[in-house]
Amino acid sequence: MKLGILREGKMPRDKRVPFTPAQCVMMRKEMNVEILVQPSEWRCFSDDEYRAAGVTLQEDLSDCDVLMGIKEVPVEQLIPNKKYFFFSHTIKKQPHNKKLMRALMEKKIQMLDYECLTDPEFNRIIGFGHFAGIVGAYNGIRGYGLRFGLFDLKPAHLCHDLLELREELRKVRLPNIQLIVTGNGRVANGAIELLGMLAIRRATVYEFTHYSFRQAVYTQLHSNNYNEALDGSQWDTGKFYKNPELYRSTFGKYTPHCDLLIHCSYWDPRAPKLFSKSDMRRPDFRVSVIADVTCDIDGSIPSTMKPSTITEPFYGYNPSTGEISDKDAFGNDVITVMAVDNLPCELPRDASENFGKELSEKVIPALLGKDDDGLLERASICRDGKLMTRFEYLSDYAS
């Protein structure tokens, strides 16, 4: 098999890669996969690093069997009748990618979306979520330090890698604040890993709301901790995920005890918001910094009214006026919000290495003919100009 690694063409440029130079060498030696790499000036692993590993750099990838990138490939750069892997952001009928979906069909491309790589029960098996959690929690801690003049951490995107980021954490000196991490997936686990690097004590949900502490502590909240059925029935996880509109939020019982909220939980638009804007005006609403790793605009966190950026990660939300300000992110009258929507890009080398490891272990064998459970079929949105059965709901979007 001949595999081509694409140069990222979407703006702003993404520095991540599907495979590191070392992983390319491993796949060539152990899997007999030939890899070609398009030259790039902005990739987190330089052209020289690939050359030093013996990887061929080549502009024309038209003779490759499989083409892999990270973000959406510009329509004019798509090669007809090829097999592509990237995050297409089409499965939710995203309006800005309708042109891309149509082009994939017209050019008879087999589109395999990383987001659709799942096990037979449709649980995702690959992604960048873990590093989104790590960087999101780091940004939240950094924002708290800046807001209260406690410490000034280097921005994550200016750290060479995770090792340097860990060194930055040596500067952190936290008072006895209380933090909440929501969720229990890859993203939340990444955030908890970061808090573990700081040796922040973990408290049970009961301890968090009933005890006082002499050091910084955090608790982890799952959906059942802050939602309840409207009819008063007992908690049922399956029912909640199937019909979240039948539940209401009880998150208000935690806000009087929380200083820093790190929100990592997936949110269904039918589900209740964690709290309302009016809740944020209550005198006992104690949260001063919100790291919204999920970054659902006008979603579960009402103060997330727009995404922030890697270079300007914080803005202020004024509960009294309901307005946001880029210039006043740390004022006394505002809640500091971090809502960067592409967090893994801040640690592209480590995120890429982790992603490439999962790809080489779980996807490359399937491409080489060992796809016994139908992994590639499940991940294929379209092929030969037709939508796959699972994605026929996109027919109006793609036509």
Protein backbone atom coordinates (compact mmCIF):
# COMPACT_ATOMS: atom_id res chain seq x y z
CA MET A 1 0.00 0.00 0.00
CA LYS A 2 1.18 3.50 -0.84
CA LEU A 3 -0.02 6.17 1.62
CA GLY A 4 0.22 9.92 1.12
CA ILE A 5 0.32 12.48 3.93
CA LEU A 6 -1.33 15.69 2.77
CA ARG A 7 -0.13 19.22 3.39
CA GLU A 8 -2.86 21.02 5.33
CA GLY A 9 -4.57 23.49 3.02
CA LYS A 10 -7.39 24.87 5.13
CA MET A 11 -6.89 28.26 6.75
CA PRO A 12 -5.84 28.85 9.45
CA ARG A 13 -3.07 26.28 8.97
CA ASP A 14 -3.20 23.22 11.19
CA LYS A 15 0.21 22.00 12.34
CA ARG A 16 -0.86 18.44 13.24
CA VAL A 17 -0.03 15.36 11.15
CA PRO A 18 -1.50 11.86 10.88
CA PHE A 19 1.92 10.24 11.39
CA THR A 20 5.24 11.37 12.84
CA PRO A 21 8.52 10.63 11.02
CA ALA A 22 9.29 7.76 13.44
CA GLN A 23 5.87 6.23 12.83
CA CYS A 24 6.40 6.42 9.06
CA VAL A 25 9.64 4.46 9.49
CA MET A 26 7.92 1.87 11.68
CA MET A 27 5.10 1.29 9.19
CA ARG A 28 7.52 0.94 6.29
CA LYS A 29 9.61 -1.65 8.12
CA GLU A 30 6.92 -3.59 9.98
CA MET A 31 3.87 -3.22 7.74
CA ASN A 32 5.40 -2.75 4.29
CA VAL A 33 3.57 0.56 3.83
CA GLU A 34 5.25 3.06 1.51
CA ILE A 35 4.66 6.63 2.65
CA LEU A 36 4.99 9.87 0.68
CA VAL A 37 4.73 13.26 2.35
CA GLN A 38 3.78 16.54 0.70
CA PRO A 39 6.28 19.27 1.69
CA SER A 40 4.98 21.82 4.19
CA GLU A 41 6.39 24.93 5.82
CA TRP A 42 4.00 24.92 8.77
CA ARG A 43 3.79 21.28 9.85
CA CYS A 44 4.87 20.62 13.48
CA PHE A 45 7.35 18.03 12.19
CA SER A 46 9.55 19.74 9.61
CA ASP A 47 10.41 18.47 6.15
CA ASP A 48 13.96 17.96 7.36
CA GLU A 49 12.76 15.67 10.15
CA TYR A 50 10.95 13.49 7.62
CA ARG A 51 13.98 13.49 5.28
CA ALA A 52 16.29 12.55 8.15
CA ALA A 53 14.04 9.55 8.83
CA GLY A 54 14.31 8.46 5.21
CA VAL A 55 10.76 9.43 4.27
CA THR A 56 10.18 10.59 0.69
CA LEU A 57 8.84 14.12 0.24
CA GLN A 58 6.84 14.57 -2.95
CA GLU A 59 4.43 17.23 -4.18
CA ASP A 60 2.36 14.94 -6.41
CA LEU A 61 0.47 12.29 -4.42
CA SER A 62 -1.79 11.15 -7.25
CA ASP A 63 -0.25 7.67 -7.36
CA CYS A 64 -1.05 6.97 -3.68
CA ASP A 65 -3.73 4.45 -2.73
CA VAL A 66 -4.77 6.32 0.43
CA LEU A 67 -4.49 10.03 1.29
CA MET A 68 -4.52 11.24 4.90
CA GLY A 69 -4.77 14.72 6.36
CA ILE A 70 -6.25 16.35 9.46
CA LYS A 71 -8.65 19.16 8.54
CA GLU A 72 -10.94 19.46 5.51
CA VAL A 73 -9.17 19.30 2.16
CA PRO A 74 -9.92 22.32 -0.09
CA VAL A 75 -12.27 21.26 -2.89
CA GLU A 76 -9.86 22.28 -5.65
CA GLN A 77 -7.15 20.02 -4.18
CA LEU A 78 -9.25 16.82 -4.10
CA ILE A 79 -8.05 14.06 -6.45
CA PRO A 80 -10.92 12.07 -8.02
CA ASN A 81 -11.47 8.36 -7.31
CA LYS A 82 -9.21 8.33 -4.25
CA LYS A 83 -9.62 7.10 -0.68
CA TYR A 84 -9.35 10.01 1.78
CA PHE A 85 -9.09 10.20 5.57
CA PHE A 86 -9.65 13.53 7.36
CA PHE A 87 -12.12 15.29 9.65
CA SER A 88 -14.72 16.30 7.05
CA HIS A 89 -17.16 18.00 9.45
CA THR A 90 -20.09 17.04 7.23
CA ILE A 91 -22.03 14.45 9.23
CA LYS A 92 -24.01 17.12 11.11
CA LYS A 93 -24.82 18.89 7.82
CA GLN A 94 -22.47 21.75 8.66
CA PRO A 95 -23.50 24.53 6.23
CA HIS A 96 -19.95 25.68 5.52
CA ASN A 97 -18.97 22.22 4.19
CA LYS A 98 -21.90 21.57 1.87
CA LYS A 99 -19.67 22.38 -1.13
CA LEU A 100 -17.10 19.87 0.13
CA MET A 101 -19.73 17.13 0.53
CA ARG A 102 -20.94 17.67 -3.02
CA ALA A 103 -17.38 17.60 -4.36
CA LEU A 104 -16.66 14.30 -2.60
CA MET A 105 -19.68 12.81 -4.34
CA GLU A 106 -18.96 14.30 -7.75
CA LYS A 107 -15.33 13.19 -7.70
CA LYS A 108 -16.37 9.67 -6.60
CA ILE A 109 -14.11 9.80 -3.56
CA GLN A 110 -14.33 7.31 -0.71
CA MET A 111 -14.52 9.60 2.31
CA LEU A 112 -13.48 7.93 5.56
CA ASP A 113 -14.01 10.35 8.42
CA TYR A 114 -11.87 9.96 11.56
CA GLU A 115 -14.92 10.93 13.60
CA CYS A 116 -16.75 7.89 12.18
CA LEU A 117 -14.05 5.35 13.05
CA THR A 118 -15.95 3.32 15.65
CA ASP A 119 -16.22 -0.12 17.16
CA PRO A 120 -19.28 -2.26 16.25
CA GLU A 121 -21.25 -0.49 19.03
CA PHE A 122 -20.41 2.87 17.39
CA ASN A 123 -18.07 4.08 20.11
CA ARG A 124 -15.29 6.25 18.69
CA ILE A 125 -11.88 4.60 18.74
CA ILE A 126 -9.65 7.48 17.70
CA GLY A 127 -9.40 11.23 18.20
CA PHE A 128 -7.59 14.21 19.70
CA GLY A 129 -9.93 14.60 22.68
CA HIS A 130 -7.37 13.62 25.31
CA PHE A 131 -5.07 16.49 24.36
CA ALA A 132 -8.02 18.88 24.14
CA GLY A 133 -8.59 18.07 27.80
CA ILE A 134 -4.94 18.51 28.77
CA VAL A 135 -4.60 21.88 27.05
CA GLY A 136 -8.07 23.05 28.13
CA ALA A 137 -7.29 22.39 31.80
CA TYR A 138 -3.86 24.03 31.42
CA ASN A 139 -5.49 27.11 29.91
CA GLY A 140 -8.02 27.19 32.73
CA ILE A 141 -5.26 27.09 35.37
CA ARG A 142 -3.31 29.71 33.42
CA GLY A 143 -6.40 31.94 33.26
CA TYR A 144 -6.94 31.64 37.01
CA GLY A 145 -3.31 32.61 37.66
CA LEU A 146 -3.56 35.66 35.39
CA ARG A 147 -6.90 36.77 36.82
CA PHE A 148 -5.64 36.84 40.40
CA GLY A 149 -1.99 37.71 39.74
CA LEU A 150 -0.76 34.41 41.17
CA PHE A 151 1.53 33.21 38.35
CA ASP A 152 2.08 33.71 34.63
CA LEU A 153 2.37 30.49 32.64
CA LYS A 154 3.75 30.36 29.12
CA PRO A 155 0.91 29.83 26.60
CA ALA A 156 0.61 26.16 25.69
CA HIS A 157 1.17 26.81 21.98
CA LEU A 158 4.57 28.36 22.76
CA CYS A 159 5.70 25.19 24.56
CA HIS A 160 7.70 22.85 22.33
CA ASP A 161 5.89 19.82 23.67
CA LEU A 162 4.14 18.32 26.67
CA LEU A 163 7.45 18.00 28.52
CA GLU A 164 8.01 21.76 28.42
CA LEU A 165 4.39 22.36 29.43
CA ARG A 166 4.90 20.16 32.47
CA GLU A 167 7.96 22.23 33.40
CA GLU A 168 5.81 25.38 33.25
CA LEU A 169 3.49 23.86 35.85
CA ARG A 170 6.28 24.21 38.40
CA LYS A 171 5.30 27.88 38.62
CA VAL A 172 1.78 27.08 39.81
CA ARG A 173 0.91 27.90 43.40
CA LEU A 174 -2.81 27.57 43.99
CA PRO A 175 -4.72 28.66 47.10
CA ASN A 176 -7.47 26.42 48.49
CA ILE A 177 -9.72 26.81 45.46
CA GLN A 178 -12.27 24.23 44.30
CA LEU A 179 -12.41 22.98 40.72
CA ILE A 180 -14.99 20.94 38.81
CA VAL A 181 -14.32 18.71 35.80
CA THR A 182 -17.44 17.58 33.92
CA GLY A 183 -17.58 14.44 31.79
CA ASN A 184 -16.02 10.99 31.80
CA GLY A 185 -14.63 10.54 28.28
CA ARG A 186 -11.29 11.18 26.60
CA VAL A 187 -11.51 14.93 27.07
CA ALA A 188 -12.27 14.75 30.80
CA ASN A 189 -9.53 12.16 31.28
CA GLY A 190 -7.05 14.55 29.66
CA ALA A 191 -8.10 17.35 31.99
CA ILE A 192 -7.75 15.07 35.01
CA GLU A 193 -4.27 14.04 33.83
CA LEU A 194 -3.26 17.70 33.84
CA LEU A 195 -4.64 18.21 37.36
CA GLY A 196 -2.71 15.10 38.38
CA MET A 197 0.51 16.75 37.17
CA LEU A 198 -0.25 19.49 39.71
CA ALA A 199 -1.00 16.93 42.43
CA ILE A 200 -4.38 18.53 43.09
CA ARG A 201 -6.37 16.44 45.52
CA ARG A 202 -9.51 14.73 44.25
CA ALA A 203 -12.64 15.02 46.40
CA THR A 204 -15.86 13.05 46.22
CA VAL A 205 -18.96 14.89 45.08
CA TYR A 206 -20.30 14.85 48.66
CA GLU A 207 -17.04 16.15 50.14
CA PHE A 208 -16.92 18.90 47.52
CA THR A 209 -20.22 20.44 48.65
CA HIS A 210 -20.07 19.65 52.38
CA TYR A 211 -16.42 20.04 53.49
CA SER A 212 -13.98 22.92 53.61
CA PHE A 213 -10.38 22.39 52.46
CA ARG A 214 -6.94 23.76 53.20
CA GLN A 215 -5.60 23.00 49.71
CA ALA A 216 -6.89 23.09 46.14
CA VAL A 217 -9.26 20.21 45.32
CA TYR A 218 -11.31 19.06 42.36
CA THR A 219 -14.24 16.77 41.80
CA GLN A 220 -15.47 15.05 38.65
CA LEU A 221 -19.15 15.29 37.76
CA HIS A 222 -21.00 12.87 35.49
CA SER A 223 -24.38 13.52 33.87
CA ASN A 224 -26.24 11.86 36.74
CA ASN A 225 -24.61 14.25 39.22
CA TYR A 226 -26.19 17.35 37.73
CA ASN A 227 -29.36 16.22 35.94
CA GLU A 228 -32.66 14.80 37.20
CA ALA A 229 -35.82 13.51 35.53
CA LEU A 230 -38.67 15.98 35.19
CA ASP A 231 -41.13 13.33 36.38
CA GLY A 232 -39.08 12.54 39.50
CA SER A 233 -38.22 9.00 38.34
CA GLN A 234 -34.97 7.26 39.21
CA TRP A 235 -31.89 8.06 37.13
CA ASP A 236 -31.59 6.02 33.91
CA THR A 237 -28.45 6.68 31.87
CA GLY A 238 -29.82 5.12 28.69
CA LYS A 239 -33.02 7.13 28.93
CA PHE A 240 -31.08 10.35 29.52
CA TYR A 241 -28.94 9.95 26.41
CA LYS A 242 -31.95 8.92 24.33
CA ASN A 243 -34.35 11.62 25.60
CA PRO A 244 -32.34 14.35 27.38
CA GLU A 245 -35.22 16.80 26.99
CA LEU A 246 -37.01 14.87 29.74
CA TYR A 247 -34.46 16.08 32.30
CA ARG A 248 -33.56 19.32 34.07
CA SER A 249 -30.22 20.57 35.35
CA THR A 250 -29.35 20.59 39.03
CA PHE A 251 -25.90 22.11 38.47
CA GLY A 252 -26.85 25.09 40.64
CA LYS A 253 -26.08 23.11 43.79
CA TYR A 254 -22.37 23.13 42.82
CA THR A 255 -21.84 26.73 41.68
CA PRO A 256 -21.65 28.15 45.25
CA HIS A 257 -18.66 25.85 45.85
CA CYS A 258 -16.76 26.11 42.54
CA ASP A 259 -14.04 28.63 41.64
CA LEU A 260 -12.84 27.11 38.35
CA LEU A 261 -15.06 25.06 36.03
CA ILE A 262 -13.41 22.83 33.39
CA HIS A 263 -16.27 21.72 31.17
CA CYS A 264 -15.49 18.57 29.17
CA SER A 265 -18.86 16.86 28.90
CA TYR A 266 -20.54 16.20 25.55
CA TRP A 267 -23.77 18.16 25.22
CA ASP A 268 -26.87 17.30 23.20
CA PRO A 269 -28.80 20.41 22.04
CA ARG A 270 -31.95 18.76 23.43
CA ALA A 271 -30.42 18.54 26.90
CA PRO A 272 -30.74 21.26 29.55
CA LYS A 273 -28.00 23.85 29.88
CA LEU A 274 -25.82 23.51 32.97
CA PHE A 275 -27.10 26.87 34.21
CA SER A 276 -28.74 29.97 32.81
CA LYS A 277 -27.55 33.55 32.43
CA SER A 278 -29.85 34.52 35.28
CA ASP A 279 -28.21 31.83 37.44
CA MET A 280 -24.87 33.49 36.73
CA ARG A 281 -26.18 36.72 38.28
CA ARG A 282 -26.97 35.08 41.60
CA PRO A 283 -24.88 36.32 44.54
CA ASP A 284 -23.83 32.74 45.40
CA PHE A 285 -22.58 31.98 41.86
CA ARG A 286 -18.90 31.62 42.78
CA VAL A 287 -17.33 30.50 39.49
CA SER A 288 -14.80 33.11 38.36
CA VAL A 289 -13.07 31.18 35.54
CA ILE A 290 -14.71 28.84 33.02
CA ALA A 291 -12.57 26.67 30.75
CA ASP A 292 -15.16 25.49 28.24
CA VAL A 293 -13.27 22.73 26.48
CA THR A 294 -16.39 21.62 24.60
CA CYS A 295 -16.85 25.12 23.13
CA ASP A 296 -20.49 24.68 22.13
CA ILE A 297 -21.51 28.18 21.08
CA ASP A 298 -24.74 29.18 22.88
CA GLY A 299 -24.74 25.64 24.22
CA SER A 300 -24.47 24.13 27.68
CA ILE A 301 -22.47 27.10 29.04
CA PRO A 302 -24.41 30.31 28.24
CA SER A 303 -21.34 32.56 28.56
CA THR A 304 -19.70 30.76 25.62
CA MET A 305 -21.05 33.17 23.06
CA LYS A 306 -18.16 32.82 20.62
CA PRO A 307 -14.95 30.80 20.33
CA SER A 308 -11.71 32.34 21.51
CA THR A 309 -8.41 31.82 19.73
CA ILE A 310 -5.10 30.18 20.48
CA THR A 311 -3.34 33.57 20.56
CA GLU A 312 -6.19 35.30 22.48
CA PRO A 313 -7.70 32.45 24.54
CA PHE A 314 -9.64 34.51 27.10
CA TYR A 315 -12.52 36.92 27.07
CA GLY A 316 -14.71 38.32 29.80
CA TYR A 317 -18.43 37.69 30.28
CA ASN A 318 -20.33 40.26 32.30
CA PRO A 319 -23.28 38.54 34.05
CA SER A 320 -25.00 41.87 34.74
CA THR A 321 -25.13 42.98 31.10
CA GLY A 322 -24.91 39.60 29.35
CA GLU A 323 -22.16 40.99 27.14
CA ILE A 324 -18.64 39.76 26.38
CA SER A 325 -15.42 41.71 26.08
CA ASP A 326 -12.09 40.76 24.52
CA LYS A 327 -10.35 43.68 26.21
CA ASP A 328 -11.51 42.93 29.74
CA ALA A 329 -11.01 39.20 30.37
CA PHE A 330 -9.87 39.48 33.98
CA GLY A 331 -11.86 42.36 35.47
CA ASN A 332 -13.74 42.21 38.75
CA ASP A 333 -17.12 42.49 37.03
CA VAL A 334 -16.61 39.65 34.55
CA ILE A 335 -16.25 35.89 34.52
CA THR A 336 -13.13 34.80 32.65
CA VAL A 337 -14.01 32.47 29.77
CA MET A 338 -11.64 30.22 27.83
CA ALA A 339 -13.36 28.76 24.73
CA VAL A 340 -10.63 27.82 22.24
CA ASP A 341 -12.20 25.48 19.67
CA ASN A 342 -9.01 23.78 18.43
CA LEU A 343 -7.11 23.06 21.64
CA PRO A 344 -5.06 20.03 20.44
CA CYS A 345 -3.33 22.36 17.96
CA GLU A 346 -1.55 23.96 20.91
CA LEU A 347 0.48 20.77 21.49
CA PRO A 348 0.64 19.47 17.90
CA ARG A 349 3.69 17.21 18.25
CA ASP A 350 2.37 15.21 21.20
CA ALA A 351 -1.19 15.18 19.90
CA SER A 352 0.01 13.93 16.51
CA GLU A 353 2.16 11.21 18.05
CA ASN A 354 -0.77 9.89 20.09
CA PHE A 355 -3.14 10.11 17.11
CA GLY A 356 -0.68 8.35 14.78
CA LYS A 357 -0.18 5.55 17.28
CA GLU A 358 -3.91 4.87 17.35
CA LEU A 359 -4.11 5.05 13.55
CA SER A 360 -1.23 2.62 13.03
CA GLU A 361 -2.62 0.14 15.55
CA LYS A 362 -6.32 0.27 14.68
CA VAL A 363 -6.73 1.54 11.11
CA ILE A 364 -3.68 0.62 9.03
CA PRO A 365 -4.20 -3.15 9.61
CA ALA A 366 -7.77 -2.75 8.33
CA LEU A 367 -6.48 -0.97 5.23
CA LEU A 368 -4.10 -3.86 4.67
CA GLY A 369 -7.00 -6.31 4.53
CA LYS A 370 -7.58 -7.19 8.19
CA ASP A 371 -10.94 -5.47 8.54
CA ASP A 372 -12.95 -8.32 10.00
CA ASP A 373 -15.44 -6.17 11.93
CA GLY A 374 -16.20 -3.65 9.16
CA LEU A 375 -14.33 -0.67 10.60
CA LEU A 376 -13.74 0.97 7.22
CA GLU A 377 -17.29 0.39 6.04
CA ARG A 378 -18.69 2.12 9.14
CA ALA A 379 -16.35 5.08 8.67
CA SER A 380 -17.14 5.60 4.96
CA ILE A 381 -19.55 8.46 4.33
CA CYS A 382 -19.58 8.05 0.56
CA ARG A 383 -18.01 5.93 -2.18
CA ASP A 384 -18.27 5.82 -5.99
CA GLY A 385 -20.50 8.87 -5.99
CA LYS A 386 -23.06 7.39 -3.58
CA LEU A 387 -23.78 7.85 0.10
CA MET A 388 -23.27 4.79 2.24
CA THR A 389 -26.44 3.42 3.86
CA ARG A 390 -25.59 4.79 7.30
CA PHE A 391 -25.28 8.31 5.86
CA GLU A 392 -28.21 8.43 3.47
CA TYR A 393 -29.75 11.07 5.73
CA LEU A 394 -27.24 13.46 4.09
CA SER A 395 -28.87 13.07 0.65
CA ASP A 396 -30.50 16.53 0.63
CA TYR A 397 -27.30 18.08 1.98
CA ALA A 398 -25.15 16.38 -0.69
CA SER A 399 -27.42 16.84 -3.68
